[in-house]
Protein backbone atom coordinates (compact mmCIF):
# COMPACT_ATOMS: atom_id res chain seq x y z
CA UNK A 1 -20.75 -61.23 -11.45
CA UNK A 2 -17.50 -63.13 -11.90
CA UNK A 3 -15.26 -60.09 -11.83
CA UNK A 4 -16.18 -59.09 -8.28
CA UNK A 5 -13.66 -61.58 -6.85
CA UNK A 6 -10.75 -59.94 -8.67
CA UNK A 7 -12.01 -56.42 -7.96
CA UNK A 8 -12.52 -57.23 -4.27
CA UNK A 9 -9.05 -58.78 -4.06
CA UNK A 10 -7.43 -55.72 -5.63
CA UNK A 11 -9.37 -53.47 -3.26
CA UNK A 12 -8.08 -55.46 -0.26
CA UNK A 13 -4.49 -55.18 -1.50
CA UNK A 14 -4.89 -51.44 -1.93
CA UNK A 15 -6.46 -50.94 1.49
CA UNK A 16 -3.67 -52.94 3.11
CA UNK A 17 -1.10 -50.91 1.09
CA UNK A 18 0.69 -54.10 0.09
CA UNK A 19 3.65 -54.36 -2.25
CA UNK A 20 3.89 -57.38 -4.52
CA UNK A 21 2.47 -59.19 -7.50
CA UNK A 22 -1.05 -60.56 -7.99
CA UNK A 23 -1.20 -63.41 -10.48
CA UNK A 24 -4.48 -63.89 -12.37
CA UNK A 25 -4.84 -66.63 -14.97
CA UNK A 26 -7.07 -68.74 -17.16
CA UNK A 27 -6.39 -71.57 -19.59
CA UNK A 28 -4.08 -69.65 -21.93
CA UNK A 29 -3.83 -66.17 -20.42
CA UNK A 30 -1.77 -65.09 -17.42
CA UNK A 31 -1.84 -61.52 -16.17
CA UNK A 32 0.22 -60.05 -13.36
CA UNK A 33 -0.74 -56.92 -11.47
CA UNK A 34 2.13 -55.21 -9.65
CA UNK A 35 1.50 -53.13 -6.54
CA UNK A 36 3.70 -50.67 -4.65
CA UNK A 37 2.24 -49.63 -1.29
CA UNK A 38 -1.24 -50.49 -2.59
CA UNK A 39 -0.96 -48.50 -5.80
CA UNK A 40 -0.99 -50.38 -9.10
CA UNK A 41 2.36 -49.74 -10.80
CA UNK A 42 2.09 -52.07 -13.77
CA UNK A 43 0.00 -54.81 -15.35
CA UNK A 44 1.60 -57.35 -17.68
CA UNK A 45 0.54 -60.36 -19.70
CA UNK A 46 2.11 -63.49 -21.13
CA UNK A 47 0.47 -62.76 -24.49
CA UNK A 48 2.61 -61.38 -27.31
CA UNK A 49 -0.22 -59.12 -28.49
CA UNK A 50 -0.15 -57.31 -25.14
CA UNK A 51 3.53 -56.39 -25.20
CA UNK A 52 4.48 -52.71 -25.27
CA UNK A 53 6.02 -53.08 -28.72
CA UNK A 54 2.72 -54.26 -30.16
CA UNK A 55 1.00 -51.23 -28.65
CA UNK A 56 3.65 -48.96 -30.23
CA UNK A 57 2.84 -50.48 -33.63
CA UNK A 58 -0.96 -50.42 -33.17
CA UNK A 59 -0.90 -46.79 -32.08
CA UNK A 60 1.19 -45.82 -35.13
CA UNK A 61 4.40 -44.75 -33.36
CA UNK A 62 6.47 -47.25 -35.37
CA UNK A 63 5.99 -50.03 -37.89
CA UNK A 64 6.88 -53.69 -37.26
CA UNK A 65 10.28 -53.38 -38.97
CA UNK A 66 11.20 -50.42 -36.74
CA UNK A 67 9.94 -52.39 -33.72
CA UNK A 68 12.42 -55.19 -34.43
CA UNK A 69 15.27 -52.68 -34.60
CA UNK A 70 14.14 -51.07 -31.36
CA UNK A 71 13.88 -54.46 -29.63
CA UNK A 72 17.46 -55.26 -30.71
CA UNK A 73 18.69 -51.92 -29.37
CA UNK A 74 16.89 -52.51 -26.06
CA UNK A 75 18.44 -55.97 -25.75
CA UNK A 76 21.92 -54.68 -26.61
CA UNK A 77 21.73 -51.85 -24.09
CA UNK A 78 19.98 -53.92 -21.42
CA UNK A 79 17.21 -51.34 -21.04
CA UNK A 80 13.45 -51.68 -21.11
CA UNK A 81 11.74 -51.14 -24.45
CA UNK A 82 9.96 -48.02 -23.22
CA UNK A 83 13.24 -46.42 -22.14
CA UNK A 84 14.82 -47.31 -25.46
CA UNK A 85 11.85 -45.84 -27.35
CA UNK A 86 12.26 -42.60 -25.39
CA UNK A 87 16.00 -42.48 -25.99
CA UNK A 88 15.48 -42.90 -29.74
CA UNK A 89 12.65 -40.33 -29.73
CA UNK A 90 10.00 -42.77 -30.94
CA UNK A 91 7.68 -41.02 -28.48
CA UNK A 92 7.92 -38.63 -25.55
CA UNK A 93 7.53 -39.41 -21.83
CA UNK A 94 3.88 -38.31 -21.70
CA UNK A 95 3.00 -40.47 -24.72
CA UNK A 96 4.80 -43.44 -23.17
CA UNK A 97 2.98 -42.98 -19.88
CA UNK A 98 -0.39 -42.80 -21.66
CA UNK A 99 0.46 -45.86 -23.74
CA UNK A 100 1.44 -47.89 -20.66
CA UNK A 101 -1.65 -46.71 -18.80
CA UNK A 102 -3.86 -47.72 -21.74
CA UNK A 103 -2.12 -51.09 -21.94
CA UNK A 104 -2.76 -51.61 -18.21
CA UNK A 105 -6.42 -50.69 -18.58
CA UNK A 106 -6.91 -53.18 -21.42
CA UNK A 107 -5.34 -55.94 -19.33
CA UNK A 108 -7.43 -55.03 -16.28
CA UNK A 109 -10.54 -55.15 -18.45
CA UNK A 110 -9.56 -58.59 -19.70
CA UNK A 111 -9.03 -59.75 -16.10
CA UNK A 112 -12.55 -58.86 -15.09
CA UNK A 113 -14.35 -59.78 -18.32
CA UNK A 114 -12.65 -63.03 -19.30
CA UNK A 115 -13.31 -65.14 -16.24
CA UNK A 116 -9.68 -65.23 -15.17
CA UNK A 117 -9.07 -66.53 -11.67
CA UNK A 118 -6.80 -65.32 -8.89
CA UNK A 119 -3.81 -67.66 -8.58
CA UNK A 120 -1.63 -66.02 -5.94
CA UNK A 121 -0.26 -62.87 -4.38
CA UNK A 122 3.47 -62.74 -3.74
CA UNK A 123 5.07 -60.01 -1.68
CA UNK A 124 7.97 -58.61 -3.64
CA UNK A 125 9.56 -55.32 -4.50
CA UNK A 126 9.23 -54.45 -8.18
CA UNK A 127 10.73 -51.34 -9.72
CA UNK A 128 9.51 -49.93 -13.00
CA UNK A 129 10.99 -47.12 -15.07
CA UNK A 130 7.51 -45.76 -15.76
CA UNK A 131 5.12 -46.91 -13.03
CA UNK A 132 1.52 -46.04 -13.80
CA UNK A 133 0.44 -45.33 -10.19
CA UNK A 134 -3.27 -46.00 -10.68
CA UNK A 135 -5.95 -46.88 -8.21
CA UNK A 136 -8.73 -49.41 -8.65
CA UNK A 137 -11.33 -46.65 -8.70
CA UNK A 138 -9.73 -45.10 -11.80
CA UNK A 139 -9.69 -48.48 -13.57
CA UNK A 140 -13.35 -49.06 -12.67
CA UNK A 141 -14.30 -45.60 -13.94
CA UNK A 142 -12.50 -46.22 -17.24
CA UNK A 143 -14.17 -49.62 -17.49
CA UNK A 144 -17.61 -48.08 -16.94
CA UNK A 145 -16.90 -45.43 -19.59
CA UNK A 146 -15.74 -48.11 -22.01
CA UNK A 147 -18.81 -50.27 -21.41
CA UNK A 148 -21.20 -47.34 -21.72
CA UNK A 149 -19.75 -46.26 -25.05
CA UNK A 150 -17.97 -43.12 -23.93
CA UNK A 151 -14.94 -44.10 -26.01
């Protein structure tokens, strides 16, 4: 199975309680997995469809016109989109956390199912306003549920 390389690499990072960024990529897709002391704090992508704003629209919190306004406000205030969405009561903290966690799961799933390859791991300190603090075992459990039709 192709995905075992990525899963094994993540497991090694978690066991070593490393802090940094794992870069995984293919032809057009690049995904970064951020770790803090071995725990996954965030997963991001270079794809526009994977941005938090797109998830806000898909999940029905706002429409695309409201997203553009929110993006402008975030840029003007110099805050992350999630923080801006909270401040303007687009969603509450629990909803934001669940949205970010779901976004991270979808990206993890793409990492292991799309044949993406490990490019590098860079030690670095990354701070996030809403870190997801998930472990590989949780992601694997969610992936198994998703594949077995539990969702």
